[in-house]
Protein backbone atom coordinates (compact mmCIF):
# COMPACT_ATOMS: atom_id res chain seq x y z
CA MET A 1 -33.65 25.23 0.81
CA LEU A 2 -31.56 22.54 1.38
CA LEU A 3 -28.44 21.62 3.47
CA ALA A 4 -26.65 18.69 2.73
CA ILE A 5 -23.48 17.22 4.72
CA ASP A 6 -20.87 15.40 3.82
CA ILE A 7 -18.38 14.20 6.70
CA GLY A 8 -15.42 12.69 5.97
CA ASN A 9 -12.22 11.27 7.81
CA THR A 10 -10.31 14.45 6.72
CA ASN A 11 -12.68 17.19 6.00
CA VAL A 12 -16.96 18.11 6.35
CA VAL A 13 -18.07 18.69 3.24
CA LEU A 14 -21.15 21.70 3.07
CA GLY A 15 -23.42 22.67 0.56
CA VAL A 16 -26.84 24.65 -0.06
CA TYR A 17 -29.33 23.92 -2.21
CA GLU A 18 -32.28 25.62 -3.70
CA ASP A 19 -34.07 24.29 -6.69
CA LYS A 20 -31.78 21.61 -7.03
CA LYS A 21 -29.00 24.20 -7.87
CA LEU A 22 -26.09 23.88 -5.66
CA VAL A 23 -25.75 27.93 -4.50
CA GLU A 24 -22.78 28.23 -1.87
CA SER A 25 -20.43 25.18 -0.42
CA TRP A 26 -18.12 25.23 2.41
CA ARG A 27 -14.93 22.87 3.49
CA MET A 28 -13.64 22.19 7.31
CA ALA A 29 -11.84 20.31 9.02
CA THR A 30 -13.20 17.07 10.25
CA ASP A 31 -12.53 17.52 14.14
CA ASN A 32 -14.30 14.40 17.05
CA LYS A 33 -13.39 17.07 19.74
CA ARG A 34 -15.70 19.87 18.57
CA SER A 35 -19.44 20.06 20.15
CA ALA A 36 -22.56 20.50 18.22
CA ASP A 37 -22.43 23.93 19.60
CA GLU A 38 -19.04 24.64 17.75
CA TYR A 39 -20.52 23.21 14.21
CA GLY A 40 -23.08 25.03 14.74
CA THR A 41 -21.24 28.33 15.13
CA ILE A 42 -19.19 27.89 12.49
CA ILE A 43 -21.40 26.62 9.76
CA ASP A 44 -23.91 29.13 10.80
CA MET A 45 -20.92 31.73 10.40
CA MET A 46 -20.00 30.86 6.80
CA MET A 47 -23.68 30.74 5.95
CA ARG A 48 -24.47 34.32 6.70
CA HIS A 49 -20.49 35.67 5.36
CA ASP A 50 -21.88 34.25 2.19
CA GLY A 51 -25.33 35.87 2.37
CA ILE A 52 -27.51 32.78 3.01
CA ASP A 53 -29.81 33.19 6.31
CA PRO A 54 -29.64 29.92 7.93
CA GLU A 55 -33.56 30.38 8.81
CA MET A 56 -33.89 29.71 5.03
CA ILE A 57 -32.84 25.59 5.48
CA ASP A 58 -36.02 23.89 4.85
CA ASP A 59 -34.07 20.28 5.15
CA ILE A 60 -30.79 18.82 5.92
CA ILE A 61 -29.67 15.20 4.43
CA VAL A 62 -26.11 13.78 6.07
CA SER A 63 -23.71 11.21 4.75
CA THR A 64 -20.80 10.20 7.55
CA VAL A 65 -18.22 7.66 7.44
CA VAL A 66 -17.44 8.67 10.98
CA PRO A 67 -19.57 7.39 13.01
CA SER A 68 -18.75 9.21 16.65
CA LEU A 69 -19.78 12.02 15.17
CA LEU A 70 -23.33 11.69 13.58
CA PHE A 71 -24.63 12.10 16.76
CA THR A 72 -22.96 15.57 17.46
CA ILE A 73 -24.26 16.76 14.34
CA GLU A 74 -27.78 15.25 14.28
CA HIS A 75 -27.76 17.42 18.03
CA MET A 76 -26.36 20.63 15.80
CA CYS A 77 -28.98 20.57 12.96
CA LEU A 78 -31.90 19.95 15.65
CA LYS A 79 -30.48 23.08 17.72
CA PHE A 80 -29.12 25.39 15.06
CA PHE A 81 -31.89 24.49 12.23
CA GLY A 82 -34.43 22.78 13.87
CA LYS A 83 -34.19 20.13 11.48
CA ASN A 84 -34.15 16.61 12.26
CA PRO A 85 -31.60 15.43 9.29
CA ILE A 86 -32.41 12.72 6.88
CA VAL A 87 -29.13 10.29 7.38
CA VAL A 88 -27.90 8.01 4.94
CA GLU A 89 -27.97 4.45 6.45
CA THR A 90 -29.09 1.21 5.93
CA GLY A 91 -33.09 2.07 4.65
CA ILE A 92 -32.32 4.90 2.68
CA LYS A 93 -34.02 4.84 -1.01
CA THR A 94 -30.82 4.53 -3.20
CA GLY A 95 -31.84 2.84 -6.40
CA LEU A 96 -29.59 0.82 -6.30
CA LYS A 97 -28.70 -3.14 -5.97
CA ILE A 98 -26.26 -3.97 -3.49
CA LYS A 99 -24.61 -6.90 -4.62
CA TYR A 100 -22.34 -6.86 -1.38
CA ASP A 101 -21.85 -9.96 1.03
CA ASP A 102 -23.45 -7.73 3.62
CA PRO A 103 -24.57 -4.51 1.92
CA ARG A 104 -24.32 -2.68 5.63
CA GLN A 105 -20.34 -2.52 5.31
CA VAL A 106 -20.77 -0.51 2.43
CA GLY A 107 -19.88 3.21 3.23
CA SER A 108 -21.99 5.60 2.99
CA ASP A 109 -19.67 8.10 0.90
CA ARG A 110 -19.45 4.76 -1.46
CA ILE A 111 -23.49 4.72 -2.13
CA VAL A 112 -23.57 8.90 -2.56
CA ASN A 113 -20.82 8.74 -5.05
CA SER A 114 -21.91 5.75 -6.91
CA VAL A 115 -26.28 7.48 -7.15
CA ALA A 116 -25.14 10.72 -8.55
CA ALA A 117 -22.27 8.59 -11.03
CA HIS A 118 -25.21 6.64 -12.27
CA GLN A 119 -27.96 9.11 -12.45
CA ARG A 120 -25.39 11.39 -14.25
CA TYR A 121 -23.50 9.46 -16.71
CA GLY A 122 -25.48 6.07 -16.65
CA GLY A 123 -24.28 2.87 -18.09
CA ASN A 124 -21.25 0.63 -17.12
CA LEU A 125 -18.95 2.91 -14.47
CA ILE A 126 -15.85 2.44 -12.37
CA VAL A 127 -16.47 5.08 -9.24
CA VAL A 128 -13.34 6.31 -8.04
CA ASP A 129 -12.82 8.84 -4.97
CA PHE A 130 -9.42 10.01 -4.22
CA GLY A 131 -9.74 11.06 -0.73
CA THR A 132 -8.31 10.25 2.70
CA ALA A 133 -9.14 6.63 1.28
CA THR A 134 -9.00 5.78 -2.42
CA THR A 135 -12.24 3.81 -2.99
CA PHE A 136 -13.14 2.26 -6.52
CA CYS A 137 -17.16 1.27 -6.95
CA CYS A 138 -18.27 -0.94 -10.04
CA VAL A 139 -21.63 0.31 -11.00
CA SER A 140 -23.80 -1.61 -13.81
CA SER A 141 -26.16 0.37 -15.93
CA ASP A 142 -29.07 -1.10 -14.44
CA GLY A 143 -27.99 0.50 -10.95
CA SER A 144 -26.32 -2.92 -9.56
CA PHE A 145 -23.67 -1.87 -7.25
CA LEU A 146 -21.77 -4.51 -8.56
CA GLY A 147 -18.22 -4.33 -5.63
CA GLY A 148 -15.01 -2.72 -5.58
CA ALA A 149 -11.44 -2.16 -3.46
CA ILE A 150 -10.66 0.27 -0.95
CA ALA A 151 -6.87 1.39 -0.58
CA PRO A 152 -4.79 4.44 1.07
CA GLY A 153 -5.16 7.62 -0.34
CA ILE A 154 -1.97 9.40 -1.10
CA LYS A 155 -2.09 11.35 1.99
CA THR A 156 -2.56 8.59 4.02
CA SER A 157 0.36 6.53 2.59
CA ALA A 158 2.12 9.83 3.25
CA ALA A 159 1.43 10.13 6.54
CA ALA A 160 1.79 6.73 7.55
CA LEU A 161 5.25 6.30 5.89
CA PHE A 162 6.21 10.04 7.94
CA GLU A 163 5.07 8.42 11.13
CA HIS A 164 6.85 4.82 10.74
CA THR A 165 10.24 5.74 9.50
CA ALA A 166 12.80 7.48 11.65
CA LYS A 167 14.65 9.76 8.63
CA LEU A 168 11.91 10.17 5.87
CA PRO A 169 10.61 13.64 5.87
CA ASN A 170 7.49 14.62 5.41
CA VAL A 171 6.57 16.21 2.27
CA ASP A 172 4.65 18.63 -0.02
CA LEU A 173 2.41 16.50 -2.34
CA GLU A 174 3.70 18.04 -5.62
CA LEU A 175 4.90 16.41 -8.82
CA PRO A 176 8.34 15.78 -8.91
CA GLY A 177 8.46 15.72 -12.01
CA LYS A 178 10.65 12.85 -13.02
CA PHE A 179 10.97 8.71 -11.86
CA ILE A 180 14.50 9.18 -10.95
CA CYS A 181 15.27 11.41 -8.25
CA LYS A 182 17.92 12.73 -6.59
CA ASN A 183 17.03 14.03 -3.42
CA THR A 184 14.84 12.14 -0.43
CA SER A 185 11.55 14.35 -0.67
CA GLU A 186 11.59 14.35 -4.45
CA SER A 187 12.30 10.37 -4.12
CA ILE A 188 9.15 10.09 -1.37
CA GLN A 189 7.32 12.53 -4.21
CA ALA A 190 7.94 10.14 -6.97
CA GLY A 191 6.92 7.25 -5.08
CA LEU A 192 3.70 8.14 -3.70
CA ILE A 193 2.49 9.97 -6.22
CA TYR A 194 3.50 8.09 -9.14
CA GLY A 195 2.99 4.91 -7.34
CA HIS A 196 -0.28 5.97 -6.69
CA MET A 197 -0.89 6.68 -10.60
CA GLY A 198 0.58 3.35 -11.97
CA PHE A 199 -1.79 1.35 -8.88
CA THR A 200 -4.83 3.10 -10.20
CA GLU A 201 -4.35 2.09 -13.72
CA HIS A 202 -3.79 -1.30 -12.98
CA MET A 203 -6.83 -1.88 -10.82
CA ILE A 204 -9.03 0.32 -13.60
CA ARG A 205 -7.81 -2.37 -16.27
CA GLY A 206 -8.30 -5.02 -13.77
CA MET A 207 -11.57 -3.96 -13.06
CA LYS A 208 -12.61 -3.24 -16.22
CA ALA A 209 -11.86 -7.12 -17.67
CA GLU A 210 -13.71 -8.72 -14.80
CA MET A 211 -16.48 -6.10 -15.32
CA ALA A 212 -16.84 -6.48 -19.26
CA GLU A 213 -16.71 -10.27 -18.26
CA GLU A 214 -19.63 -10.15 -16.01
CA LEU A 215 -21.65 -8.23 -17.71
CA GLU A 216 -20.79 -9.29 -21.10
CA CYS A 217 -19.79 -5.80 -22.53
CA ASP A 218 -16.78 -4.40 -24.10
CA PRO A 219 -14.21 -3.27 -21.35
CA ALA A 220 -13.52 0.16 -23.74
CA GLU A 221 -17.71 1.11 -23.39
CA ILE A 222 -17.11 1.25 -18.94
CA LYS A 223 -16.63 4.79 -18.22
CA VAL A 224 -14.44 5.83 -15.21
CA ILE A 225 -15.63 8.83 -13.30
CA ALA A 226 -13.30 10.23 -10.63
CA THR A 227 -13.73 12.98 -7.98
CA GLY A 228 -11.90 13.85 -4.71
CA GLY A 229 -9.31 16.64 -3.38
CA MET A 230 -6.20 14.18 -5.48
CA ALA A 231 -8.44 13.10 -8.57
CA THR A 232 -6.51 16.44 -10.66
CA MET A 233 -2.88 15.31 -9.91
CA VAL A 234 -3.53 11.36 -10.17
CA GLU A 235 -5.92 12.29 -13.94
CA SER A 236 -2.22 14.03 -14.90
CA GLY A 237 -0.44 11.15 -15.60
CA VAL A 238 -2.80 8.55 -16.43
CA THR A 239 -5.21 7.77 -19.31
CA CYS A 240 -7.82 5.88 -17.52
CA ILE A 241 -9.91 8.62 -16.41
CA ASP A 242 -12.37 9.96 -18.72
CA VAL A 243 -14.29 12.44 -16.08
CA ILE A 244 -13.47 14.42 -12.93
CA ASP A 245 -16.50 15.69 -11.13
CA ARG A 246 -15.38 17.27 -7.77
CA ARG A 247 -19.48 17.75 -7.05
CA LEU A 248 -20.36 14.24 -7.27
CA THR A 249 -20.76 13.75 -3.54
CA LEU A 250 -22.35 16.67 -2.70
CA ASP A 251 -24.68 16.28 -5.93
CA GLY A 252 -25.50 12.89 -4.60
CA LEU A 253 -26.67 13.86 -1.87
CA GLN A 254 -29.10 16.25 -2.90
CA MET A 255 -30.56 13.96 -5.67
CA LEU A 256 -30.56 10.98 -2.65
CA TYR A 257 -32.28 13.69 -0.84
CA GLU A 258 -35.34 14.21 -4.09
CA ARG A 259 -35.66 10.20 -3.09
CA ASN A 260 -36.23 10.55 0.25
CA LYS A 261 -38.21 13.89 1.12
CA GLY A 262 -40.02 13.75 4.07
CA LEU A 263 -38.46 10.35 5.34
CA ASN A 264 -37.71 10.51 9.35
CA LYS A 265 -34.59 9.16 10.06
CA LYS A 266 -36.70 6.37 12.58
CA ARG A 267 -38.55 5.02 9.56
CA VAL A 268 -37.41 1.98 7.53
CA LEU A 269 -37.90 2.24 4.22
CA GLN A 270 -37.70 -0.58 1.65
CA ASP A 271 -35.75 0.34 -1.88
């Protein structure tokens, strides 16, 4: 069995795969203060609760956008599973051609999502992850990572608004059902959510135009794949999203594992 661990800014998402099939998955809050022992104990308990014996884990792959947690998770993998995990970092085989000014600056989450989308859907793609940050990744049919954009996610924008304003309340992120609102809570909801929908439509439209020019293709042929916790809410108010794939990141880790079986994290492999 393979244990895939995706460490995000808000949540750590874990999945266990057997014969390339997801058996079970879990989500826990990202906490820099937790020790390797705490993470290991919690993961062990979650696995046993769902009938999975931790001793059946044959290998582990890890992706993180929180560098300060990597050592903790690697130590946990060694202590609780006896495994040195494969880490999604510079040198790992991805199958992508990274056309970024500095490929090392591309977040591992964006790489994982792009690998999964390219392998699963093919063609020219825009991959949008609605998480702590909203990220856009443009991938061509030949596997070139063309670049993209990064913006604050809806929850991040809401937290910043609450933190930096004296009188505005912290609100639940729910659709208010109207653009012209008559109370402060719904006004904030409308601005945050409908504003993000409009932002998404505008970004996708601009990216499709630039990709079509660069790749000499029809913009209508560029498929938009969305993932992340807020994807369904945003998708309900836009027409630019073709597919919502909630397992994109975990499945991308499983796909990367297949490309890098037996990779010791200290060895650097060429694409």
